[in-house]
């Protein structure tokens, strides 16, 4: 069962990563902030997790849950404030929730297995 939740976590992670890479570069209109700065701020926290998530490190899964809440908050603000990007913000909320619940359930089921 832990493997199922691990795949759920990785789906949320890679979906969020792809969305954060594509949103400011390809999918959105011309940004007011330099794209490189936006990518550094939005993608760097995700890059810090990739090695631990792929290795099923419990600390990385715990941190993924914490970090996913930042993306959830950003998506909630964008869905309210930016009518043109509601589908992008909704996708961000979906992927952040997949990451959050997948990591929490993977840690829980892994702990029960031990």
PDB file of N, CA and C in Angstrom:
ATOM      1  N   UNK A   1       0.814  -1.192   0.000  1.00  0.00           N
ATOM      2  CA  UNK A   1       0.000   0.000   0.000  1.00  0.00           C
ATOM      3  C   UNK A   1       0.862   1.262   0.000  1.00  0.00           C
ATOM      4  N   UNK A   2       2.029   1.186   0.629  1.00  0.00           N
ATOM      5  CA  UNK A   2       2.923   2.338   0.665  1.00  0.00           C
ATOM      6  C   UNK A   2       3.387   2.709  -0.742  1.00  0.00           C
ATOM      7  N   UNK A   3       3.551   1.716  -1.611  1.00  0.00           N
ATOM      8  CA  UNK A   3       3.968   1.988  -2.983  1.00  0.00           C
ATOM      9  C   UNK A   3       2.904   2.788  -3.729  1.00  0.00           C
ATOM     10  N   UNK A   4       1.654   2.498  -3.496  1.00  0.00           N
ATOM     11  CA  UNK A   4       0.578   3.240  -4.149  1.00  0.00           C
ATOM     12  C   UNK A   4       0.620   4.702  -3.735  1.00  0.00           C
ATOM     13  N   UNK A   5       0.802   4.950  -2.454  1.00  0.00           N
ATOM     14  CA  UNK A   5       0.870   6.326  -1.975  1.00  0.00           C
ATOM     15  C   UNK A   5       2.153   7.001  -2.424  1.00  0.00           C
ATOM     16  N   UNK A   6       3.217   6.220  -2.566  1.00  0.00           N
ATOM     17  CA  UNK A   6       4.470   6.775  -3.092  1.00  0.00           C
ATOM     18  C   UNK A   6       4.270   7.254  -4.524  1.00  0.00           C
ATOM     19  N   UNK A   7       3.576   6.475  -5.337  1.00  0.00           N
ATOM     20  CA  UNK A   7       3.305   6.884  -6.714  1.00  0.00           C
ATOM     21  C   UNK A   7       2.381   8.102  -6.754  1.00  0.00           C
ATOM     22  N   UNK A   8       1.453   8.174  -5.832  1.00  0.00           N
ATOM     23  CA  UNK A   8       0.587   9.341  -5.729  1.00  0.00           C
ATOM     24  C   UNK A   8       1.418  10.586  -5.408  1.00  0.00           C
ATOM     25  N   UNK A   9       2.358  10.435  -4.489  1.00  0.00           N
ATOM     26  CA  UNK A   9       3.242  11.535  -4.126  1.00  0.00           C
ATOM     27  C   UNK A   9       4.086  11.962  -5.314  1.00  0.00           C
ATOM     28  N   UNK A  10       4.660  11.013  -6.016  1.00  0.00           N
ATOM     29  CA  UNK A  10       5.513  11.345  -7.153  1.00  0.00           C
ATOM     30  C   UNK A  10       4.705  11.964  -8.297  1.00  0.00           C
ATOM     31  N   UNK A  11       3.472  11.542  -8.468  1.00  0.00           N
ATOM     32  CA  UNK A  11       2.611  12.155  -9.481  1.00  0.00           C
ATOM     33  C   UNK A  11       2.356  13.618  -9.139  1.00  0.00           C
ATOM     34  N   UNK A  12       2.032  13.883  -7.892  1.00  0.00           N
ATOM     35  CA  UNK A  12       1.832  15.264  -7.460  1.00  0.00           C
ATOM     36  C   UNK A  12       3.097  16.085  -7.577  1.00  0.00           C
ATOM     37  N   UNK A  13       4.231  15.481  -7.235  1.00  0.00           N
ATOM     38  CA  UNK A  13       5.508  16.195  -7.293  1.00  0.00           C
ATOM     39  C   UNK A  13       5.877  16.560  -8.727  1.00  0.00           C
ATOM     40  N   UNK A  14       5.884  15.582  -9.608  1.00  0.00           N
ATOM     41  CA  UNK A  14       6.304  15.855 -10.975  1.00  0.00           C
ATOM     42  C   UNK A  14       5.283  16.711 -11.725  1.00  0.00           C
ATOM     43  N   UNK A  15       4.010  16.567 -11.398  1.00  0.00           N
ATOM     44  CA  UNK A  15       3.005  17.453 -11.979  1.00  0.00           C
ATOM     45  C   UNK A  15       3.204  18.891 -11.537  1.00  0.00           C
ATOM     46  N   UNK A  16       3.469  19.075 -10.254  1.00  0.00           N
ATOM     47  CA  UNK A  16       3.722  20.412  -9.717  1.00  0.00           C
ATOM     48  C   UNK A  16       5.007  20.986 -10.294  1.00  0.00           C
ATOM     49  N   UNK A  17       6.018  20.163 -10.416  1.00  0.00           N
ATOM     50  CA  UNK A  17       7.288  20.613 -10.984  1.00  0.00           C
ATOM     51  C   UNK A  17       7.102  21.065 -12.434  1.00  0.00           C
ATOM     52  N   UNK A  18       6.417  20.259 -13.233  1.00  0.00           N
ATOM     53  CA  UNK A  18       6.185  20.621 -14.636  1.00  0.00           C
ATOM     54  C   UNK A  18       5.336  21.886 -14.739  1.00  0.00           C
ATOM     55  N   UNK A  19       4.316  21.987 -13.905  1.00  0.00           N
ATOM     56  CA  UNK A  19       3.465  23.175 -13.929  1.00  0.00           C
ATOM     57  C   UNK A  19       4.251  24.422 -13.555  1.00  0.00           C
ATOM     58  N   UNK A  20       5.089  24.335 -12.539  1.00  0.00           N
ATOM     59  CA  UNK A  20       5.862  25.496 -12.114  1.00  0.00           C
ATOM     60  C   UNK A  20       6.920  25.882 -13.140  1.00  0.00           C
ATOM     61  N   UNK A  21       7.366  24.926 -13.939  1.00  0.00           N
ATOM     62  CA  UNK A  21       8.303  25.242 -15.015  1.00  0.00           C
ATOM     63  C   UNK A  21       7.590  25.866 -16.212  1.00  0.00           C
ATOM     64  N   UNK A  22       6.398  25.384 -16.523  1.00  0.00           N
ATOM     65  CA  UNK A  22       5.697  25.833 -17.726  1.00  0.00           C
ATOM     66  C   UNK A  22       4.854  27.087 -17.527  1.00  0.00           C
ATOM     67  N   UNK A  23       4.334  27.287 -16.350  1.00  0.00           N
ATOM     68  CA  UNK A  23       3.426  28.412 -16.115  1.00  0.00           C
ATOM     69  C   UNK A  23       4.072  29.755 -16.464  1.00  0.00           C
ATOM     70  N   UNK A  24       5.229  30.114 -15.893  1.00  0.00           N
ATOM     71  CA  UNK A  24       5.769  31.440 -16.211  1.00  0.00           C
ATOM     72  C   UNK A  24       6.445  31.525 -17.578  1.00  0.00           C
ATOM     73  N   UNK A  25       6.765  30.400 -18.192  1.00  0.00           N
ATOM     74  CA  UNK A  25       7.512  30.445 -19.445  1.00  0.00           C
ATOM     75  C   UNK A  25       6.628  30.287 -20.672  1.00  0.00           C
ATOM     76  N   UNK A  26       5.737  29.317 -20.680  1.00  0.00           N
ATOM     77  CA  UNK A  26       4.975  28.985 -21.877  1.00  0.00           C
ATOM     78  C   UNK A  26       3.492  29.303 -21.734  1.00  0.00           C
ATOM     79  N   UNK A  27       2.903  28.998 -20.596  1.00  0.00           N
ATOM     80  CA  UNK A  27       1.449  29.034 -20.455  1.00  0.00           C
ATOM     81  C   UNK A  27       0.864  30.392 -20.089  1.00  0.00           C
ATOM     82  N   UNK A  28       1.638  31.283 -19.508  1.00  0.00           N
ATOM     83  CA  UNK A  28       1.101  32.566 -19.043  1.00  0.00           C
ATOM     84  C   UNK A  28       1.481  33.684 -20.008  1.00  0.00           C
ATOM     85  N   UNK A  29       0.784  34.794 -19.863  1.00  0.00           N
ATOM     86  CA  UNK A  29       1.117  35.978 -20.647  1.00  0.00           C
ATOM     87  C   UNK A  29       2.442  36.553 -20.160  1.00  0.00           C
ATOM     88  N   UNK A  30       2.896  37.591 -20.799  1.00  0.00           N
ATOM     89  CA  UNK A  30       4.184  38.200 -20.448  1.00  0.00           C
ATOM     90  C   UNK A  30       4.178  38.640 -18.985  1.00  0.00           C
ATOM     91  N   UNK A  31       5.085  38.074 -18.177  1.00  0.00           N
ATOM     92  CA  UNK A  31       5.105  38.418 -16.745  1.00  0.00           C
ATOM     93  C   UNK A  31       5.711  39.792 -16.486  1.00  0.00           C
ATOM     94  N   UNK A  32       5.361  40.366 -15.355  1.00  0.00           N
ATOM     95  CA  UNK A  32       5.926  41.645 -14.966  1.00  0.00           C
ATOM     96  C   UNK A  32       7.261  41.460 -14.259  1.00  0.00           C
ATOM     97  N   UNK A  33       7.502  40.274 -13.725  1.00  0.00           N
ATOM     98  CA  UNK A  33       8.736  39.941 -13.022  1.00  0.00           C
ATOM     99  C   UNK A  33       9.593  39.111 -13.972  1.00  0.00           C
ATOM    100  N   UNK A  34      10.921  39.232 -13.928  1.00  0.00           N
ATOM    101  CA  UNK A  34      11.762  38.403 -14.806  1.00  0.00           C
ATOM    102  C   UNK A  34      11.504  36.909 -14.590  1.00  0.00           C
ATOM    103  N   UNK A  35      11.444  36.185 -15.685  1.00  0.00           N
ATOM    104  CA  UNK A  35      11.097  34.761 -15.638  1.00  0.00           C
ATOM    105  C   UNK A  35      12.121  33.970 -14.830  1.00  0.00           C
ATOM    106  N   UNK A  36      13.387  34.309 -14.946  1.00  0.00           N
ATOM    107  CA  UNK A  36      14.419  33.579 -14.209  1.00  0.00           C
ATOM    108  C   UNK A  36      14.197  33.685 -12.706  1.00  0.00           C
ATOM    109  N   UNK A  37      13.814  34.838 -12.232  1.00  0.00           N
ATOM    110  CA  UNK A  37      13.551  35.020 -10.804  1.00  0.00           C
ATOM    111  C   UNK A  37      12.349  34.203 -10.355  1.00  0.00           C
ATOM    112  N   UNK A  38      11.315  34.184 -11.170  1.00  0.00           N
ATOM    113  CA  UNK A  38      10.122  33.397 -10.849  1.00  0.00           C
ATOM    114  C   UNK A  38      10.466  31.915 -10.784  1.00  0.00           C
ATOM    115  N   UNK A  39      11.255  31.438 -11.735  1.00  0.00           N
ATOM    116  CA  UNK A  39      11.641  30.027 -11.733  1.00  0.00           C
ATOM    117  C   UNK A  39      12.508  29.672 -10.529  1.00  0.00           C
ATOM    118  N   UNK A  40      13.399  30.552 -10.155  1.00  0.00           N
ATOM    119  CA  UNK A  40      14.248  30.287  -8.989  1.00  0.00           C
ATOM    120  C   UNK A  40      13.405  30.170  -7.728  1.00  0.00           C
ATOM    121  N   UNK A  41      12.451  31.065  -7.564  1.00  0.00           N
ATOM    122  CA  UNK A  41      11.628  31.071  -6.351  1.00  0.00           C
ATOM    123  C   UNK A  41      10.664  29.893  -6.310  1.00  0.00           C
ATOM    124  N   UNK A  42      10.099  29.514  -7.453  1.00  0.00           N
ATOM    125  CA  UNK A  42       9.071  28.481  -7.443  1.00  0.00           C
ATOM    126  C   UNK A  42       9.607  27.068  -7.600  1.00  0.00           C
ATOM    127  N   UNK A  43      10.730  26.897  -8.276  1.00  0.00           N
ATOM    128  CA  UNK A  43      11.209  25.555  -8.579  1.00  0.00           C
ATOM    129  C   UNK A  43      12.266  25.073  -7.589  1.00  0.00           C
ATOM    130  N   UNK A  44      13.036  25.976  -7.000  1.00  0.00           N
ATOM    131  CA  UNK A  44      14.109  25.572  -6.092  1.00  0.00           C
ATOM    132  C   UNK A  44      13.622  24.722  -4.909  1.00  0.00           C
ATOM    133  N   UNK A  45      12.524  25.075  -4.231  1.00  0.00           N
ATOM    134  CA  UNK A  45      12.082  24.197  -3.137  1.00  0.00           C
ATOM    135  C   UNK A  45      11.748  22.781  -3.603  1.00  0.00           C
ATOM    136  N   UNK A  46      11.250  22.665  -4.814  1.00  0.00           N
ATOM    137  CA  UNK A  46      10.943  21.332  -5.337  1.00  0.00           C
ATOM    138  C   UNK A  46      12.211  20.555  -5.688  1.00  0.00           C
ATOM    139  N   UNK A  47      13.216  21.255  -6.193  1.00  0.00           N
ATOM    140  CA  UNK A  47      14.458  20.575  -6.542  1.00  0.00           C
ATOM    141  C   UNK A  47      15.180  20.019  -5.321  1.00  0.00           C
ATOM    142  N   UNK A  48      15.005  20.651  -4.180  1.00  0.00           N
ATOM    143  CA  UNK A  48      15.635  20.173  -2.959  1.00  0.00           C
ATOM    144  C   UNK A  48      15.076  18.827  -2.502  1.00  0.00           C
ATOM    145  N   UNK A  49      13.888  18.480  -2.970  1.00  0.00           N
ATOM    146  CA  UNK A  49      13.218  17.256  -2.518  1.00  0.00           C
ATOM    147  C   UNK A  49      13.420  16.051  -3.425  1.00  0.00           C
ATOM    148  N   UNK A  50      13.845  16.260  -4.655  1.00  0.00           N
ATOM    149  CA  UNK A  50      13.758  15.200  -5.661  1.00  0.00           C
ATOM    150  C   UNK A  50      14.537  13.943  -5.277  1.00  0.00           C
ATOM    151  N   UNK A  51      15.726  14.083  -4.777  1.00  0.00           N
ATOM    152  CA  UNK A  51      16.548  12.916  -4.445  1.00  0.00           C
ATOM    153  C   UNK A  51      15.919  12.088  -3.328  1.00  0.00           C
ATOM    154  N   UNK A  52      15.446  12.760  -2.294  1.00  0.00           N
ATOM    155  CA  UNK A  52      14.833  12.053  -1.172  1.00  0.00           C
ATOM    156  C   UNK A  52      13.507  11.412  -1.523  1.00  0.00           C
ATOM    157  N   UNK A  53      12.725  12.058  -2.386  1.00  0.00           N
ATOM    158  CA  UNK A  53      11.452  11.469  -2.779  1.00  0.00           C
ATOM    159  C   UNK A  53      11.664  10.209  -3.615  1.00  0.00           C
ATOM    160  N   UNK A  54      12.635  10.251  -4.497  1.00  0.00           N
ATOM    161  CA  UNK A  54      12.895   9.075  -5.325  1.00  0.00           C
ATOM    162  C   UNK A  54      13.471   7.918  -4.508  1.00  0.00           C
ATOM    163  N   UNK A  55      14.191   8.245  -3.431  1.00  0.00           N
ATOM    164  CA  UNK A  55      14.775   7.213  -2.574  1.00  0.00           C
ATOM    165  C   UNK A  55      13.839   6.792  -1.443  1.00  0.00           C
ATOM    166  N   UNK A  56      12.663   7.375  -1.351  1.00  0.00           N
ATOM    167  CA  UNK A  56      11.670   7.110  -0.312  1.00  0.00           C
ATOM    168  C   UNK A  56      12.224   7.406   1.085  1.00  0.00           C
ATOM    169  N   UNK A  57      12.872   8.555   1.200  1.00  0.00           N
ATOM    170  CA  UNK A  57      13.413   9.023   2.476  1.00  0.00           C
ATOM    171  C   UNK A  57      12.275   9.657   3.286  1.00  0.00           C
ATOM    172  N   UNK A  58      12.011   9.171   4.501  1.00  0.00           N
ATOM    173  CA  UNK A  58      10.893   9.702   5.293  1.00  0.00           C
ATOM    174  C   UNK A  58      10.991  11.201   5.582  1.00  0.00           C
ATOM    175  N   UNK A  59      12.192  11.719   5.799  1.00  0.00           N
ATOM    176  CA  UNK A  59      12.338  13.153   6.060  1.00  0.00           C
ATOM    177  C   UNK A  59      11.956  13.978   4.835  1.00  0.00           C
ATOM    178  N   UNK A  60      12.307  13.499   3.667  1.00  0.00           N
ATOM    179  CA  UNK A  60      11.945  14.211   2.441  1.00  0.00           C
ATOM    180  C   UNK A  60      10.436  14.190   2.220  1.00  0.00           C
ATOM    181  N   UNK A  61       9.806  13.083   2.565  1.00  0.00           N
ATOM    182  CA  UNK A  61       8.357  13.004   2.435  1.00  0.00           C
ATOM    183  C   UNK A  61       7.671  13.945   3.417  1.00  0.00           C
ATOM    184  N   UNK A  62       8.220  14.082   4.609  1.00  0.00           N
ATOM    185  CA  UNK A  62       7.658  15.018   5.578  1.00  0.00           C
ATOM    186  C   UNK A  62       7.828  16.456   5.089  1.00  0.00           C
ATOM    187  N   UNK A  63       9.003  16.787   4.593  1.00  0.00           N
ATOM    188  CA  UNK A  63       9.230  18.129   4.072  1.00  0.00           C
ATOM    189  C   UNK A  63       8.390  18.406   2.835  1.00  0.00           C
ATOM    190  N   UNK A  64       8.142  17.390   2.032  1.00  0.00           N
ATOM    191  CA  UNK A  64       7.286  17.568   0.855  1.00  0.00           C
ATOM    192  C   UNK A  64       5.878  17.976   1.273  1.00  0.00           C
ATOM    193  N   UNK A  65       5.395  17.403   2.355  1.00  0.00           N
ATOM    194  CA  UNK A  65       4.085  17.787   2.862  1.00  0.00           C
ATOM    195  C   UNK A  65       4.047  19.241   3.296  1.00  0.00           C
ATOM    196  N   UNK A  66       5.113  19.684   3.961  1.00  0.00           N
ATOM    197  CA  UNK A  66       5.167  21.080   4.402  1.00  0.00           C
ATOM    198  C   UNK A  66       5.255  22.033   3.215  1.00  0.00           C
ATOM    199  N   UNK A  67       6.123  21.720   2.286  1.00  0.00           N
ATOM    200  CA  UNK A  67       6.352  22.599   1.144  1.00  0.00           C
ATOM    201  C   UNK A  67       5.129  22.651   0.232  1.00  0.00           C
ATOM    202  N   UNK A  68       4.405  21.545   0.143  1.00  0.00           N
ATOM    203  CA  UNK A  68       3.233  21.532  -0.727  1.00  0.00           C
ATOM    204  C   UNK A  68       2.173  22.535  -0.271  1.00  0.00           C
ATOM    205  N   UNK A  69       2.161  22.846   1.011  1.00  0.00           N
ATOM    206  CA  UNK A  69       1.189  23.812   1.522  1.00  0.00           C
ATOM    207  C   UNK A  69       1.462  25.224   1.001  1.00  0.00           C
ATOM    208  N   UNK A  70       2.725  25.543   0.729  1.00  0.00           N
ATOM    209  CA  UNK A  70       3.048  26.840   0.125  1.00  0.00           C
ATOM    210  C   UNK A  70       2.455  26.946  -1.278  1.00  0.00           C
ATOM    211  N   UNK A  71       2.567  25.864  -2.036  1.00  0.00           N
ATOM    212  CA  UNK A  71       2.016  25.855  -3.390  1.00  0.00           C
ATOM    213  C   UNK A  71       0.486  25.861  -3.351  1.00  0.00           C
ATOM    214  N   UNK A  72      -0.087  25.208  -2.366  1.00  0.00           N
ATOM    215  CA  UNK A  72      -1.536  25.254  -2.203  1.00  0.00           C
ATOM    216  C   UNK A  72      -1.994  26.685  -1.931  1.00  0.00           C
ATOM    217  N   UNK A  73      -1.295  27.378  -1.050  1.00  0.00           N
ATOM    218  CA  UNK A  73      -1.656  28.763  -0.724  1.00  0.00           C
ATOM    219  C   UNK A  73      -1.506  29.663  -1.949  1.00  0.00           C
ATOM    220  N   UNK A  74      -0.438  29.464  -2.708  1.00  0.00           N
ATOM    221  CA  UNK A  74      -0.245  30.262  -3.920  1.00  0.00           C
ATOM    222  C   UNK A  74      -1.368  29.999  -4.921  1.00  0.00           C
ATOM    223  N   UNK A  75      -1.735  28.744  -5.095  1.00  0.00           N
ATOM    224  CA  UNK A  75      -2.817  28.412  -6.011  1.00  0.00           C
ATOM    225  C   UNK A  75      -4.146  28.993  -5.562  1.00  0.00           C
ATOM    226  N   UNK A  76      -4.404  28.986  -4.255  1.00  0.00           N
ATOM    227  CA  UNK A  76      -5.656  29.539  -3.738  1.00  0.00           C
ATOM    228  C   UNK A  76      -5.726  31.048  -3.961  1.00  0.00           C
ATOM    229  N   UNK A  77      -4.617  31.737  -3.801  1.00  0.00           N
ATOM    230  CA  UNK A  77      -4.593  33.178  -4.045  1.00  0.00           C
ATOM    231  C   UNK A  77      -4.770  33.457  -5.537  1.00  0.00           C
ATOM    232  N   UNK A  78      -4.087  32.702  -6.380  1.00  0.00           N
ATOM    233  CA  UNK A  78      -4.176  32.919  -7.824  1.00  0.00           C
ATOM    234  C   UNK A  78      -5.572  32.605  -8.368  1.00  0.00           C
ATOM    235  N   UNK A  79      -6.205  31.590  -7.848  1.00  0.00           N
ATOM    236  CA  UNK A  79      -7.543  31.247  -8.352  1.00  0.00           C
ATOM    237  C   UNK A  79      -8.543  32.347  -8.019  1.00  0.00           C
ATOM    238  N   UNK A  80      -8.294  33.064  -6.957  1.00  0.00           N
ATOM    239  CA  UNK A  80      -9.173  34.174  -6.564  1.00  0.00           C
ATOM    240  C   UNK A  80      -8.806  35.459  -7.309  1.00  0.00           C
ATOM    241  N   UNK A  81      -7.521  35.729  -7.458  1.00  0.00           N
ATOM    242  CA  UNK A  81      -7.072  37.029  -7.959  1.00  0.00           C
ATOM    243  C   UNK A  81      -6.915  37.099  -9.473  1.00  0.00           C
ATOM    244  N   UNK A  82      -6.618  35.989 -10.121  1.00  0.00           N
ATOM    245  CA  UNK A  82      -6.273  36.019 -11.533  1.00  0.00           C
ATOM    246  C   UNK A  82      -7.269  35.178 -12.324  1.00  0.00           C
ATOM    247  N   UNK A  83      -8.258  35.834 -12.882  1.00  0.00           N
ATOM    248  CA  UNK A  83      -9.313  35.104 -13.594  1.00  0.00           C
ATOM    249  C   UNK A  83      -8.795  34.418 -14.847  1.00  0.00           C
ATOM    250  N   UNK A  84      -7.764  34.959 -15.465  1.00  0.00           N
ATOM    251  CA  UNK A  84      -7.235  34.375 -16.695  1.00  0.00           C
ATOM    252  C   UNK A  84      -6.446  33.106 -16.478  1.00  0.00           C
ATOM    253  N   UNK A  85      -6.005  32.873 -15.275  1.00  0.00           N
ATOM    254  CA  UNK A  85      -5.168  31.701 -14.999  1.00  0.00           C
ATOM    255  C   UNK A  85      -5.822  30.768 -13.983  1.00  0.00           C
ATOM    256  N   UNK A  86      -7.136  30.737 -13.953  1.00  0.00           N
ATOM    257  CA  UNK A  86      -7.816  29.893 -12.965  1.00  0.00           C
ATOM    258  C   UNK A  86      -7.544  28.417 -13.183  1.00  0.00           C
ATOM    259  N   UNK A  87      -7.459  27.985 -14.420  1.00  0.00           N
ATOM    260  CA  UNK A  87      -7.205  26.566 -14.672  1.00  0.00           C
ATOM    261  C   UNK A  87      -5.782  26.194 -14.260  1.00  0.00           C
ATOM    262  N   UNK A  88      -4.836  27.116 -14.392  1.00  0.00           N
ATOM    263  CA  UNK A  88      -3.477  26.852 -13.926  1.00  0.00           C
ATOM    264  C   UNK A  88      -3.429  26.790 -12.401  1.00  0.00           C
ATOM    265  N   UNK A  89      -4.116  27.718 -11.762  1.00  0.00           N
ATOM    266  CA  UNK A  89      -4.154  27.727 -10.300  1.00  0.00           C
ATOM    267  C   UNK A  89      -4.879  26.501  -9.773  1.00  0.00           C
ATOM    268  N   UNK A  90      -5.933  26.090 -10.445  1.00  0.00           N
ATOM    269  CA  UNK A  90      -6.627  24.865 -10.041  1.00  0.00           C
ATOM    270  C   UNK A  90      -5.741  23.640 -10.182  1.00  0.00           C
ATOM    271  N   UNK A  91      -4.937  23.608 -11.232  1.00  0.00           N
ATOM    272  CA  UNK A  91      -3.979  22.509 -11.400  1.00  0.00           C
ATOM    273  C   UNK A  91      -2.926  22.523 -10.303  1.00  0.00           C
ATOM    274  N   UNK A  92      -2.486  23.717  -9.931  1.00  0.00           N
ATOM    275  CA  UNK A  92      -1.505  23.835  -8.850  1.00  0.00           C
ATOM    276  C   UNK A  92      -2.095  23.331  -7.534  1.00  0.00           C
ATOM    277  N   UNK A  93      -3.330  23.664  -7.272  1.00  0.00           N
ATOM    278  CA  UNK A  93      -3.990  23.184  -6.057  1.00  0.00           C
ATOM    279  C   UNK A  93      -4.118  21.663  -6.092  1.00  0.00           C
ATOM    280  N   UNK A  94      -4.524  21.120  -7.226  1.00  0.00           N
ATOM    281  CA  UNK A  94      -4.669  19.668  -7.352  1.00  0.00           C
ATOM    282  C   UNK A  94      -3.352  18.944  -7.124  1.00  0.00           C
ATOM    283  N   UNK A  95      -2.291  19.395  -7.778  1.00  0.00           N
ATOM    284  CA  UNK A  95      -0.996  18.734  -7.628  1.00  0.00           C
ATOM    285  C   UNK A  95      -0.430  18.904  -6.218  1.00  0.00           C
ATOM    286  N   UNK A  96      -0.651  20.060  -5.605  1.00  0.00           N
ATOM    287  CA  UNK A  96      -0.152  20.246  -4.239  1.00  0.00           C
ATOM    288  C   UNK A  96      -0.904  19.357  -3.251  1.00  0.00           C
ATOM    289  N   UNK A  97      -2.200  19.162  -3.489  1.00  0.00           N
ATOM    290  CA  UNK A  97      -2.955  18.254  -2.623  1.00  0.00           C
ATOM    291  C   UNK A  97      -2.544  16.800  -2.835  1.00  0.00           C
ATOM    292  N   UNK A  98      -2.268  16.424  -4.074  1.00  0.00           N
ATOM    293  CA  UNK A  98      -1.752  15.079  -4.331  1.00  0.00           C
ATOM    294  C   UNK A  98      -0.428  14.863  -3.605  1.00  0.00           C
ATOM    295  N   UNK A  99       0.441  15.868  -3.668  1.00  0.00           N
ATOM    296  CA  UNK A  99       1.734  15.770  -2.989  1.00  0.00           C
ATOM    297  C   UNK A  99       1.554  15.697  -1.473  1.00  0.00           C
ATOM    298  N   UNK A 100       0.678  16.522  -0.937  1.00  0.00           N
ATOM    299  CA  UNK A 100       0.473  16.546   0.507  1.00  0.00           C
ATOM    300  C   UNK A 100      -0.106  15.234   1.021  1.00  0.00           C
ATOM    301  N   UNK A 101      -1.245  14.836   0.461  1.00  0.00           N
ATOM    302  CA  UNK A 101      -1.896  13.626   0.961  1.00  0.00           C
ATOM    303  C   UNK A 101      -1.111  12.368   0.604  1.00  0.00           C
ATOM    304  N   UNK A 102      -0.475  12.351  -0.553  1.00  0.00           N
ATOM    305  CA  UNK A 102       0.342  11.197  -0.916  1.00  0.00           C
ATOM    306  C   UNK A 102       1.510  11.013   0.034  1.00  0.00           C
ATOM    307  N   UNK A 103       2.193  12.107   0.367  1.00  0.00           N
ATOM    308  CA  UNK A 103       3.329  11.990   1.280  1.00  0.00           C
ATOM    309  C   UNK A 103       2.883  11.605   2.688  1.00  0.00           C
ATOM    310  N   UNK A 104       1.783  12.192   3.147  1.00  0.00           N
ATOM    311  CA  UNK A 104       1.297  11.859   4.492  1.00  0.00           C
ATOM    312  C   UNK A 104       0.860  10.395   4.575  1.00  0.00           C
ATOM    313  N   UNK A 105       0.134   9.933   3.566  1.00  0.00           N
ATOM    314  CA  UNK A 105      -0.332   8.549   3.588  1.00  0.00           C
ATOM    315  C   UNK A 105       0.798   7.556   3.354  1.00  0.00           C
ATOM    316  N   UNK A 106       1.788   7.930   2.558  1.00  0.00           N
ATOM    317  CA  UNK A 106       2.938   7.051   2.352  1.00  0.00           C
ATOM    318  C   UNK A 106       3.729   6.882   3.644  1.00  0.00           C
ATOM    319  N   UNK A 107       3.930   7.979   4.361  1.00  0.00           N
ATOM    320  CA  UNK A 107       4.631   7.881   5.645  1.00  0.00           C
ATOM    321  C   UNK A 107       3.829   7.063   6.650  1.00  0.00           C
ATOM    322  N   UNK A 108       2.538   7.254   6.669  1.00  0.00           N
ATOM    323  CA  UNK A 108       1.694   6.518   7.612  1.00  0.00           C
ATOM    324  C   UNK A 108       1.705   5.023   7.312  1.00  0.00           C
ATOM    325  N   UNK A 109       1.551   4.660   6.046  1.00  0.00           N
ATOM    326  CA  UNK A 109       1.524   3.241   5.705  1.00  0.00           C
ATOM    327  C   UNK A 109       2.893   2.604   5.834  1.00  0.00           C
ATOM    328  N   UNK A 110       3.944   3.368   5.617  1.00  0.00           N
ATOM    329  CA  UNK A 110       5.294   2.837   5.810  1.00  0.00           C
ATOM    330  C   UNK A 110       5.562   2.590   7.290  1.00  0.00           C
ATOM    331  N   UNK A 111       5.077   3.499   8.131  1.00  0.00           N
ATOM    332  CA  UNK A 111       5.247   3.323   9.574  1.00  0.00           C
ATOM    333  C   UNK A 111       4.490   2.131  10.111  1.00  0.00           C
ATOM    334  N   UNK A 112       3.311   1.882   9.562  1.00  0.00           N
ATOM    335  CA  UNK A 112       2.543   0.712   9.989  1.00  0.00           C
ATOM    336  C   UNK A 112       3.192  -0.579   9.534  1.00  0.00           C
ATOM    337  N   UNK A 113       3.852  -0.542   8.375  1.00  0.00           N
ATOM    338  CA  UNK A 113       4.497  -1.745   7.864  1.00  0.00           C
ATOM    339  C   UNK A 113       5.695  -2.143   8.718  1.00  0.00           C
ATOM    340  N   UNK A 114       6.338  -1.155   9.317  1.00  0.00           N
ATOM    341  CA  UNK A 114       7.508  -1.452  10.157  1.00  0.00           C
ATOM    342  C   UNK A 114       7.013  -1.870  11.488  1.00  0.00           C
TER     343      UNK A 114
END
